[in-house]
Amino acid sequence: MNATLKEPLKKTKKSKEKPQKEIPHNKVMEFIGKVKDFYKVDCHLVHPLGKFRINVWTKEEKQDCVIPTFHLTDSYYVYYTPSGEIVDETIKRKLDKKSIFS
């Protein structure tokens, strides 16, 4: 019986790309598009695996008011891929007749 020694298997490292800690401002602005009465956009990391919350704020100035009114008009839950793509994972609310007319 002949026995040959084989080299032990080497552990290979998987190339895992780390999730991003922030999304570049120009990518966020491209994602939300043009917004009427735009004031600012907030982008916060909410999950360590690259999940972000993007909030879009608008500013409304009324003639009779001294102080402008600010509104949170849109909010998105997104995944920012290591390759630099923003994937919208926001759960959209389904509209039905009861919710529209109540």
PDB file of N, CA and C in Angstrom:
ATOM      1  N   MET A   1       0.838  -1.166   0.000  1.00  0.00           N
ATOM      2  CA  MET A   1       0.000   0.000   0.000  1.00  0.00           C
ATOM      3  C   MET A   1       0.890   1.238   0.000  1.00  0.00           C
ATOM      4  N   ASN A   2       0.684   2.061  -0.977  1.00  0.00           N
ATOM      5  CA  ASN A   2       1.468   3.280  -1.113  1.00  0.00           C
ATOM      6  C   ASN A   2       0.668   4.468  -0.587  1.00  0.00           C
ATOM      7  N   ALA A   3       1.285   5.240   0.225  1.00  0.00           N
ATOM      8  CA  ALA A   3       0.635   6.435   0.765  1.00  0.00           C
ATOM      9  C   ALA A   3       1.434   7.653   0.324  1.00  0.00           C
ATOM     10  N   THR A   4       0.741   8.630  -0.186  1.00  0.00           N
ATOM     11  CA  THR A   4       1.410   9.870  -0.581  1.00  0.00           C
ATOM     12  C   THR A   4       0.894  11.002   0.285  1.00  0.00           C
ATOM     13  N   LEU A   5       1.803  11.871   0.617  1.00  0.00           N
ATOM     14  CA  LEU A   5       1.412  13.022   1.421  1.00  0.00           C
ATOM     15  C   LEU A   5       0.928  14.139   0.499  1.00  0.00           C
ATOM     16  N   LYS A   6      -0.222  14.662   0.832  1.00  0.00           N
ATOM     17  CA  LYS A   6      -0.759  15.783   0.064  1.00  0.00           C
ATOM     18  C   LYS A   6      -0.588  17.046   0.889  1.00  0.00           C
ATOM     19  N   GLU A   7      -0.469  18.146   0.178  1.00  0.00           N
ATOM     20  CA  GLU A   7      -0.380  19.429   0.872  1.00  0.00           C
ATOM     21  C   GLU A   7      -1.714  19.727   1.537  1.00  0.00           C
ATOM     22  N   PRO A   8      -1.669  20.269   2.749  1.00  0.00           N
ATOM     23  CA  PRO A   8      -2.941  20.629   3.390  1.00  0.00           C
ATOM     24  C   PRO A   8      -3.634  21.735   2.601  1.00  0.00           C
ATOM     25  N   LEU A   9      -4.946  21.703   2.634  1.00  0.00           N
ATOM     26  CA  LEU A   9      -5.715  22.718   1.910  1.00  0.00           C
ATOM     27  C   LEU A   9      -5.480  24.084   2.534  1.00  0.00           C
ATOM     28  N   LYS A  10      -5.254  25.040   1.685  1.00  0.00           N
ATOM     29  CA  LYS A  10      -5.034  26.399   2.155  1.00  0.00           C
ATOM     30  C   LYS A  10      -6.381  27.105   2.249  1.00  0.00           C
ATOM     31  N   LYS A  11      -6.532  27.883   3.305  1.00  0.00           N
ATOM     32  CA  LYS A  11      -7.757  28.657   3.451  1.00  0.00           C
ATOM     33  C   LYS A  11      -7.685  29.851   2.501  1.00  0.00           C
ATOM     34  N   THR A  12      -8.728  30.010   1.750  1.00  0.00           N
ATOM     35  CA  THR A  12      -8.790  31.152   0.849  1.00  0.00           C
ATOM     36  C   THR A  12      -9.651  32.227   1.471  1.00  0.00           C
ATOM     37  N   LYS A  13      -9.199  33.427   1.334  1.00  0.00           N
ATOM     38  CA  LYS A  13      -9.962  34.545   1.868  1.00  0.00           C
ATOM     39  C   LYS A  13     -10.992  34.982   0.839  1.00  0.00           C
ATOM     40  N   LYS A  14     -12.208  35.110   1.292  1.00  0.00           N
ATOM     41  CA  LYS A  14     -13.253  35.611   0.407  1.00  0.00           C
ATOM     42  C   LYS A  14     -13.132  37.123   0.384  1.00  0.00           C
ATOM     43  N   SER A  15     -13.247  37.661  -0.790  1.00  0.00           N
ATOM     44  CA  SER A  15     -13.144  39.118  -0.901  1.00  0.00           C
ATOM     45  C   SER A  15     -14.512  39.735  -0.617  1.00  0.00           C
ATOM     46  N   LYS A  16     -14.693  40.080   0.628  1.00  0.00           N
ATOM     47  CA  LYS A  16     -15.939  40.727   1.023  1.00  0.00           C
ATOM     48  C   LYS A  16     -15.712  42.229   1.006  1.00  0.00           C
ATOM     49  N   GLU A  17     -16.539  42.900   0.244  1.00  0.00           N
ATOM     50  CA  GLU A  17     -16.450  44.347   0.232  1.00  0.00           C
ATOM     51  C   GLU A  17     -17.230  44.879   1.419  1.00  0.00           C
ATOM     52  N   LYS A  18     -16.634  45.788   2.131  1.00  0.00           N
ATOM     53  CA  LYS A  18     -17.294  46.360   3.305  1.00  0.00           C
ATOM     54  C   LYS A  18     -18.397  47.301   2.856  1.00  0.00           C
ATOM     55  N   PRO A  19     -19.503  47.304   3.594  1.00  0.00           N
ATOM     56  CA  PRO A  19     -20.560  48.256   3.253  1.00  0.00           C
ATOM     57  C   PRO A  19     -20.111  49.688   3.502  1.00  0.00           C
ATOM     58  N   GLN A  20     -20.684  50.583   2.756  1.00  0.00           N
ATOM     59  CA  GLN A  20     -20.320  51.990   2.845  1.00  0.00           C
ATOM     60  C   GLN A  20     -20.881  52.614   4.122  1.00  0.00           C
ATOM     61  N   LYS A  21     -20.173  53.595   4.653  1.00  0.00           N
ATOM     62  CA  LYS A  21     -20.607  54.306   5.860  1.00  0.00           C
ATOM     63  C   LYS A  21     -21.429  55.546   5.519  1.00  0.00           C
ATOM     64  N   GLU A  22     -21.329  56.013   4.282  1.00  0.00           N
ATOM     65  CA  GLU A  22     -22.100  57.172   3.854  1.00  0.00           C
ATOM     66  C   GLU A  22     -22.290  57.128   2.339  1.00  0.00           C
ATOM     67  N   ILE A  23     -23.297  57.849   1.887  1.00  0.00           N
ATOM     68  CA  ILE A  23     -23.585  57.938   0.459  1.00  0.00           C
ATOM     69  C   ILE A  23     -23.157  59.324  -0.004  1.00  0.00           C
ATOM     70  N   PRO A  24     -22.422  59.415  -1.105  1.00  0.00           N
ATOM     71  CA  PRO A  24     -22.023  60.732  -1.602  1.00  0.00           C
ATOM     72  C   PRO A  24     -23.253  61.604  -1.896  1.00  0.00           C
ATOM     73  N   HIS A  25     -23.136  62.891  -1.599  1.00  0.00           N
ATOM     74  CA  HIS A  25     -24.259  63.825  -1.735  1.00  0.00           C
ATOM     75  C   HIS A  25     -24.797  63.866  -3.163  1.00  0.00           C
ATOM     76  N   ASN A  26     -23.908  63.838  -4.153  1.00  0.00           N
ATOM     77  CA  ASN A  26     -24.374  63.911  -5.542  1.00  0.00           C
ATOM     78  C   ASN A  26     -25.199  62.684  -5.934  1.00  0.00           C
ATOM     79  N   LYS A  27     -24.881  61.514  -5.375  1.00  0.00           N
ATOM     80  CA  LYS A  27     -25.677  60.307  -5.651  1.00  0.00           C
ATOM     81  C   LYS A  27     -27.053  60.402  -5.007  1.00  0.00           C
ATOM     82  N   VAL A  28     -27.114  60.963  -3.785  1.00  0.00           N
ATOM     83  CA  VAL A  28     -28.398  61.136  -3.106  1.00  0.00           C
ATOM     84  C   VAL A  28     -29.279  62.099  -3.899  1.00  0.00           C
ATOM     85  N   MET A  29     -28.707  63.207  -4.348  1.00  0.00           N
ATOM     86  CA  MET A  29     -29.468  64.190  -5.108  1.00  0.00           C
ATOM     87  C   MET A  29     -29.949  63.612  -6.441  1.00  0.00           C
ATOM     88  N   GLU A  30     -29.138  62.791  -7.050  1.00  0.00           N
ATOM     89  CA  GLU A  30     -29.539  62.129  -8.297  1.00  0.00           C
ATOM     90  C   GLU A  30     -30.688  61.152  -8.031  1.00  0.00           C
ATOM     91  N   PHE A  31     -30.655  60.473  -6.894  1.00  0.00           N
ATOM     92  CA  PHE A  31     -31.688  59.501  -6.534  1.00  0.00           C
ATOM     93  C   PHE A  31     -33.039  60.177  -6.286  1.00  0.00           C
ATOM     94  N   ILE A  32     -33.050  61.294  -5.545  1.00  0.00           N
ATOM     95  CA  ILE A  32     -34.334  61.926  -5.206  1.00  0.00           C
ATOM     96  C   ILE A  32     -34.889  62.757  -6.350  1.00  0.00           C
ATOM     97  N   GLY A  33     -34.034  63.214  -7.240  1.00  0.00           N
ATOM     98  CA  GLY A  33     -34.503  64.004  -8.374  1.00  0.00           C
ATOM     99  C   GLY A  33     -34.845  65.430  -7.972  1.00  0.00           C
ATOM    100  N   LYS A  34     -35.616  66.102  -8.836  1.00  0.00           N
ATOM    101  CA  LYS A  34     -35.980  67.489  -8.574  1.00  0.00           C
ATOM    102  C   LYS A  34     -37.195  67.528  -7.657  1.00  0.00           C
ATOM    103  N   VAL A  35     -37.120  68.347  -6.602  1.00  0.00           N
ATOM    104  CA  VAL A  35     -38.188  68.475  -5.618  1.00  0.00           C
ATOM    105  C   VAL A  35     -38.593  69.944  -5.541  1.00  0.00           C
ATOM    106  N   LYS A  36     -39.899  70.206  -5.624  1.00  0.00           N
ATOM    107  CA  LYS A  36     -40.398  71.582  -5.544  1.00  0.00           C
ATOM    108  C   LYS A  36     -40.196  72.114  -4.124  1.00  0.00           C
ATOM    109  N   ASP A  37     -39.734  73.334  -3.990  1.00  0.00           N
ATOM    110  CA  ASP A  37     -39.472  74.009  -2.713  1.00  0.00           C
ATOM    111  C   ASP A  37     -38.475  73.236  -1.854  1.00  0.00           C
ATOM    112  N   PHE A  38     -37.473  72.662  -2.488  1.00  0.00           N
ATOM    113  CA  PHE A  38     -36.464  71.863  -1.781  1.00  0.00           C
ATOM    114  C   PHE A  38     -35.735  72.715  -0.752  1.00  0.00           C
ATOM    115  N   TYR A  39     -35.554  72.141   0.457  1.00  0.00           N
ATOM    116  CA  TYR A  39     -34.789  72.808   1.514  1.00  0.00           C
ATOM    117  C   TYR A  39     -33.499  72.048   1.827  1.00  0.00           C
ATOM    118  N   LYS A  40     -33.635  70.762   2.203  1.00  0.00           N
ATOM    119  CA  LYS A  40     -32.441  69.965   2.500  1.00  0.00           C
ATOM    120  C   LYS A  40     -32.770  68.475   2.420  1.00  0.00           C
ATOM    121  N   VAL A  41     -31.714  67.683   2.436  1.00  0.00           N
ATOM    122  CA  VAL A  41     -31.852  66.226   2.460  1.00  0.00           C
ATOM    123  C   VAL A  41     -30.959  65.689   3.570  1.00  0.00           C
ATOM    124  N   ASP A  42     -31.494  64.750   4.349  1.00  0.00           N
ATOM    125  CA  ASP A  42     -30.731  64.068   5.395  1.00  0.00           C
ATOM    126  C   ASP A  42     -30.540  62.621   4.979  1.00  0.00           C
ATOM    127  N   CYS A  43     -29.345  62.105   5.212  1.00  0.00           N
ATOM    128  CA  CYS A  43     -29.060  60.713   4.892  1.00  0.00           C
ATOM    129  C   CYS A  43     -28.331  60.105   6.085  1.00  0.00           C
ATOM    130  N   HIS A  44     -28.959  59.082   6.702  1.00  0.00           N
ATOM    131  CA  HIS A  44     -28.405  58.485   7.914  1.00  0.00           C
ATOM    132  C   HIS A  44     -28.264  56.977   7.741  1.00  0.00           C
ATOM    133  N   LEU A  45     -27.144  56.449   8.211  1.00  0.00           N
ATOM    134  CA  LEU A  45     -26.931  55.009   8.246  1.00  0.00           C
ATOM    135  C   LEU A  45     -27.772  54.440   9.384  1.00  0.00           C
ATOM    136  N   VAL A  46     -28.687  53.520   9.072  1.00  0.00           N
ATOM    137  CA  VAL A  46     -29.562  52.958  10.099  1.00  0.00           C
ATOM    138  C   VAL A  46     -29.292  51.483  10.367  1.00  0.00           C
ATOM    139  N   HIS A  47     -28.471  50.863   9.531  1.00  0.00           N
ATOM    140  CA  HIS A  47     -28.137  49.449   9.714  1.00  0.00           C
ATOM    141  C   HIS A  47     -26.699  49.255   9.251  1.00  0.00           C
ATOM    142  N   PRO A  48     -25.889  48.504   9.991  1.00  0.00           N
ATOM    143  CA  PRO A  48     -24.469  48.386   9.635  1.00  0.00           C
ATOM    144  C   PRO A  48     -24.193  47.685   8.303  1.00  0.00           C
ATOM    145  N   LEU A  49     -25.191  47.107   7.686  1.00  0.00           N
ATOM    146  CA  LEU A  49     -24.976  46.429   6.402  1.00  0.00           C
ATOM    147  C   LEU A  49     -25.295  47.315   5.206  1.00  0.00           C
ATOM    148  N   GLY A  50     -25.217  48.617   5.382  1.00  0.00           N
ATOM    149  CA  GLY A  50     -25.386  49.525   4.251  1.00  0.00           C
ATOM    150  C   GLY A  50     -26.805  49.988   4.017  1.00  0.00           C
ATOM    151  N   LYS A  51     -27.658  49.945   5.024  1.00  0.00           N
ATOM    152  CA  LYS A  51     -29.041  50.416   4.898  1.00  0.00           C
ATOM    153  C   LYS A  51     -29.113  51.851   5.407  1.00  0.00           C
ATOM    154  N   PHE A  52     -29.719  52.712   4.615  1.00  0.00           N
ATOM    155  CA  PHE A  52     -29.789  54.131   4.930  1.00  0.00           C
ATOM    156  C   PHE A  52     -31.227  54.621   4.919  1.00  0.00           C
ATOM    157  N   ARG A  53     -31.471  55.702   5.644  1.00  0.00           N
ATOM    158  CA  ARG A  53     -32.747  56.417   5.607  1.00  0.00           C
ATOM    159  C   ARG A  53     -32.446  57.775   4.982  1.00  0.00           C
ATOM    160  N   ILE A  54     -33.155  58.098   3.899  1.00  0.00           N
ATOM    161  CA  ILE A  54     -33.004  59.387   3.226  1.00  0.00           C
ATOM    162  C   ILE A  54     -34.289  60.174   3.450  1.00  0.00           C
ATOM    163  N   ASN A  55     -34.179  61.348   4.069  1.00  0.00           N
ATOM    164  CA  ASN A  55     -35.323  62.218   4.317  1.00  0.00           C
ATOM    165  C   ASN A  55     -35.177  63.487   3.483  1.00  0.00           C
ATOM    166  N   VAL A  56     -36.265  63.868   2.811  1.00  0.00           N
ATOM    167  CA  VAL A  56     -36.276  65.055   1.960  1.00  0.00           C
ATOM    168  C   VAL A  56     -37.168  66.105   2.621  1.00  0.00           C
ATOM    169  N   TRP A  57     -36.611  67.294   2.842  1.00  0.00           N
ATOM    170  CA  TRP A  57     -37.317  68.390   3.501  1.00  0.00           C
ATOM    171  C   TRP A  57     -37.589  69.516   2.516  1.00  0.00           C
ATOM    172  N   THR A  58     -38.781  70.135   2.657  1.00  0.00           N
ATOM    173  CA  THR A  58     -39.120  71.297   1.849  1.00  0.00           C
ATOM    174  C   THR A  58     -39.399  72.486   2.763  1.00  0.00           C
ATOM    175  N   LYS A  59     -39.340  73.676   2.186  1.00  0.00           N
ATOM    176  CA  LYS A  59     -39.541  74.913   2.939  1.00  0.00           C
ATOM    177  C   LYS A  59     -40.685  75.686   2.287  1.00  0.00           C
ATOM    178  N   GLU A  60     -41.636  76.105   3.107  1.00  0.00           N
ATOM    179  CA  GLU A  60     -42.779  76.860   2.608  1.00  0.00           C
ATOM    180  C   GLU A  60     -42.825  78.203   3.322  1.00  0.00           C
ATOM    181  N   GLU A  61     -42.819  79.265   2.552  1.00  0.00           N
ATOM    182  CA  GLU A  61     -42.899  80.610   3.123  1.00  0.00           C
ATOM    183  C   GLU A  61     -44.262  81.190   2.779  1.00  0.00           C
ATOM    184  N   LYS A  62     -45.021  81.511   3.809  1.00  0.00           N
ATOM    185  CA  LYS A  62     -46.347  82.090   3.614  1.00  0.00           C
ATOM    186  C   LYS A  62     -46.256  83.596   3.791  1.00  0.00           C
ATOM    187  N   GLN A  63     -47.165  84.297   3.112  1.00  0.00           N
ATOM    188  CA  GLN A  63     -47.129  85.752   3.120  1.00  0.00           C
ATOM    189  C   GLN A  63     -47.401  86.336   4.502  1.00  0.00           C
ATOM    190  N   ASP A  64     -48.305  85.745   5.265  1.00  0.00           N
ATOM    191  CA  ASP A  64     -48.698  86.289   6.568  1.00  0.00           C
ATOM    192  C   ASP A  64     -47.810  85.807   7.715  1.00  0.00           C
ATOM    193  N   CYS A  65     -46.900  84.904   7.461  1.00  0.00           N
ATOM    194  CA  CYS A  65     -46.065  84.330   8.529  1.00  0.00           C
ATOM    195  C   CYS A  65     -44.640  84.882   8.462  1.00  0.00           C
ATOM    196  N   VAL A  66     -44.063  85.086   9.625  1.00  0.00           N
ATOM    197  CA  VAL A  66     -42.692  85.562   9.707  1.00  0.00           C
ATOM    198  C   VAL A  66     -41.722  84.395   9.571  1.00  0.00           C
ATOM    199  N   ILE A  67     -42.097  83.265  10.157  1.00  0.00           N
ATOM    200  CA  ILE A  67     -41.236  82.087  10.169  1.00  0.00           C
ATOM    201  C   ILE A  67     -41.712  81.099   9.103  1.00  0.00           C
ATOM    202  N   PRO A  68     -40.786  80.579   8.280  1.00  0.00           N
ATOM    203  CA  PRO A  68     -41.191  79.595   7.261  1.00  0.00           C
ATOM    204  C   PRO A  68     -41.571  78.259   7.903  1.00  0.00           C
ATOM    205  N   THR A  69     -42.333  77.469   7.161  1.00  0.00           N
ATOM    206  CA  THR A  69     -42.756  76.145   7.602  1.00  0.00           C
ATOM    207  C   THR A  69     -41.924  75.101   6.866  1.00  0.00           C
ATOM    208  N   PHE A  70     -41.442  74.110   7.608  1.00  0.00           N
ATOM    209  CA  PHE A  70     -40.646  73.038   7.022  1.00  0.00           C
ATOM    210  C   PHE A  70     -41.441  71.740   7.065  1.00  0.00           C
ATOM    211  N   HIS A  71     -41.373  70.956   5.975  1.00  0.00           N
ATOM    212  CA  HIS A  71     -42.125  69.711   5.882  1.00  0.00           C
ATOM    213  C   HIS A  71     -41.193  68.576   5.466  1.00  0.00           C
ATOM    214  N   LEU A  72     -41.385  67.438   6.101  1.00  0.00           N
ATOM    215  CA  LEU A  72     -40.711  66.214   5.659  1.00  0.00           C
ATOM    216  C   LEU A  72     -41.607  65.620   4.578  1.00  0.00           C
ATOM    217  N   THR A  73     -41.219  65.794   3.319  1.00  0.00           N
ATOM    218  CA  THR A  73     -42.101  65.408   2.224  1.00  0.00           C
ATOM    219  C   THR A  73     -41.892  63.978   1.748  1.00  0.00           C
ATOM    220  N   ASP A  74     -40.665  63.498   1.756  1.00  0.00           N
ATOM    221  CA  ASP A  74     -40.378  62.136   1.298  1.00  0.00           C
ATOM    222  C   ASP A  74     -39.378  61.491   2.238  1.00  0.00           C
ATOM    223  N   SER A  75     -39.518  60.173   2.400  1.00  0.00           N
ATOM    224  CA  SER A  75     -38.588  59.407   3.206  1.00  0.00           C
ATOM    225  C   SER A  75     -38.376  58.066   2.519  1.00  0.00           C
ATOM    226  N   TYR A  76     -37.126  57.700   2.330  1.00  0.00           N
ATOM    227  CA  TYR A  76     -36.777  56.460   1.631  1.00  0.00           C
ATOM    228  C   TYR A  76     -35.903  55.587   2.516  1.00  0.00           C
ATOM    229  N   TYR A  77     -36.114  54.279   2.419  1.00  0.00           N
ATOM    230  CA  TYR A  77     -35.256  53.288   3.061  1.00  0.00           C
ATOM    231  C   TYR A  77     -34.497  52.619   1.926  1.00  0.00           C
ATOM    232  N   VAL A  78     -33.181  52.801   1.882  1.00  0.00           N
ATOM    233  CA  VAL A  78     -32.410  52.341   0.733  1.00  0.00           C
ATOM    234  C   VAL A  78     -31.216  51.490   1.169  1.00  0.00           C
ATOM    235  N   TYR A  79     -30.724  50.726   0.222  1.00  0.00           N
ATOM    236  CA  TYR A  79     -29.496  49.955   0.388  1.00  0.00           C
ATOM    237  C   TYR A  79     -28.466  50.537  -0.570  1.00  0.00           C
ATOM    238  N   TYR A  80     -27.296  50.885  -0.049  1.00  0.00           N
ATOM    239  CA  TYR A  80     -26.218  51.415  -0.871  1.00  0.00           C
ATOM    240  C   TYR A  80     -25.211  50.298  -1.110  1.00  0.00           C
ATOM    241  N   THR A  81     -25.146  49.806  -2.325  1.00  0.00           N
ATOM    242  CA  THR A  81     -24.294  48.672  -2.658  1.00  0.00           C
ATOM    243  C   THR A  81     -22.819  49.079  -2.641  1.00  0.00           C
ATOM    244  N   PRO A  82     -21.937  48.118  -2.406  1.00  0.00           N
ATOM    245  CA  PRO A  82     -20.499  48.432  -2.439  1.00  0.00           C
ATOM    246  C   PRO A  82     -20.042  48.946  -3.804  1.00  0.00           C
ATOM    247  N   SER A  83     -20.794  48.631  -4.865  1.00  0.00           N
ATOM    248  CA  SER A  83     -20.426  49.119  -6.195  1.00  0.00           C
ATOM    249  C   SER A  83     -20.909  50.546  -6.436  1.00  0.00           C
ATOM    250  N   GLY A  84     -21.674  51.130  -5.483  1.00  0.00           N
ATOM    251  CA  GLY A  84     -22.077  52.524  -5.605  1.00  0.00           C
ATOM    252  C   GLY A  84     -23.469  52.750  -6.147  1.00  0.00           C
ATOM    253  N   GLU A  85     -24.314  51.756  -6.078  1.00  0.00           N
ATOM    254  CA  GLU A  85     -25.685  51.875  -6.575  1.00  0.00           C
ATOM    255  C   GLU A  85     -26.652  51.998  -5.399  1.00  0.00           C
ATOM    256  N   ILE A  86     -27.659  52.850  -5.526  1.00  0.00           N
ATOM    257  CA  ILE A  86     -28.681  53.011  -4.500  1.00  0.00           C
ATOM    258  C   ILE A  86     -29.893  52.188  -4.901  1.00  0.00           C
ATOM    259  N   VAL A  87     -30.275  51.239  -4.030  1.00  0.00           N
ATOM    260  CA  VAL A  87     -31.425  50.377  -4.284  1.00  0.00           C
ATOM    261  C   VAL A  87     -32.537  50.773  -3.319  1.00  0.00           C
ATOM    262  N   ASP A  88     -33.681  51.175  -3.854  1.00  0.00           N
ATOM    263  CA  ASP A  88     -34.816  51.613  -3.043  1.00  0.00           C
ATOM    264  C   ASP A  88     -35.525  50.389  -2.463  1.00  0.00           C
ATOM    265  N   GLU A  89     -35.560  50.297  -1.126  1.00  0.00           N
ATOM    266  CA  GLU A  89     -36.241  49.197  -0.444  1.00  0.00           C
ATOM    267  C   GLU A  89     -37.418  49.703   0.382  1.00  0.00           C
ATOM    268  N   THR A  90     -37.912  50.888   0.031  1.00  0.00           N
ATOM    269  CA  THR A  90     -39.036  51.475   0.740  1.00  0.00           C
ATOM    270  C   THR A  90     -40.293  50.666   0.469  1.00  0.00           C
ATOM    271  N   ILE A  91     -41.033  50.369   1.530  1.00  0.00           N
ATOM    272  CA  ILE A  91     -42.300  49.662   1.377  1.00  0.00           C
ATOM    273  C   ILE A  91     -43.362  50.713   1.101  1.00  0.00           C
ATOM    274  N   LYS A  92     -43.933  50.649  -0.094  1.00  0.00           N
ATOM    275  CA  LYS A  92     -44.950  51.620  -0.483  1.00  0.00           C
ATOM    276  C   LYS A  92     -46.299  51.212   0.093  1.00  0.00           C
ATOM    277  N   ARG A  93     -47.029  52.191   0.590  1.00  0.00           N
ATOM    278  CA  ARG A  93     -48.349  51.933   1.155  1.00  0.00           C
ATOM    279  C   ARG A  93     -49.350  51.773   0.022  1.00  0.00           C
ATOM    280  N   LYS A  94     -50.129  50.711   0.080  1.00  0.00           N
ATOM    281  CA  LYS A  94     -51.154  50.483  -0.932  1.00  0.00           C
ATOM    282  C   LYS A  94     -52.377  51.323  -0.587  1.00  0.00           C
ATOM    283  N   LEU A  95     -52.880  52.030  -1.575  1.00  0.00           N
ATOM    284  CA  LEU A  95     -54.054  52.858  -1.375  1.00  0.00           C
ATOM    285  C   LEU A  95     -55.313  52.067  -1.717  1.00  0.00           C
ATOM    286  N   ASP A  96     -56.303  52.200  -0.880  1.00  0.00           N
ATOM    287  CA  ASP A  96     -57.605  51.632  -1.186  1.00  0.00           C
ATOM    288  C   ASP A  96     -58.658  52.707  -0.942  1.00  0.00           C
ATOM    289  N   LYS A  97     -59.892  52.438  -1.323  1.00  0.00           N
ATOM    290  CA  LYS A  97     -60.941  53.453  -1.222  1.00  0.00           C
ATOM    291  C   LYS A  97     -61.151  53.918   0.210  1.00  0.00           C
ATOM    292  N   LYS A  98     -61.050  53.032   1.159  1.00  0.00           N
ATOM    293  CA  LYS A  98     -61.264  53.404   2.569  1.00  0.00           C
ATOM    294  C   LYS A  98     -60.213  54.390   3.047  1.00  0.00           C
ATOM    295  N   SER A  99     -58.956  54.181   2.683  1.00  0.00           N
ATOM    296  CA  SER A  99     -57.894  55.077   3.155  1.00  0.00           C
ATOM    297  C   SER A  99     -57.931  56.435   2.445  1.00  0.00           C
ATOM    298  N   ILE A 100     -58.469  56.481   1.245  1.00  0.00           N
ATOM    299  CA  ILE A 100     -58.527  57.739   0.502  1.00  0.00           C
ATOM    300  C   ILE A 100     -59.653  58.630   1.041  1.00  0.00           C
ATOM    301  N   PHE A 101     -60.793  58.045   1.349  1.00  0.00           N
ATOM    302  CA  PHE A 101     -61.959  58.821   1.722  1.00  0.00           C
ATOM    303  C   PHE A 101     -62.246  58.852   3.222  1.00  0.00           C
ATOM    304  N   SER A 102     -61.304  58.437   4.043  1.00  0.00           N
ATOM    305  CA  SER A 102     -61.563  58.480   5.495  1.00  0.00           C
ATOM    306  C   SER A 102     -60.847  59.612   6.169  1.00  0.00           C
TER     307      SER A 102
END
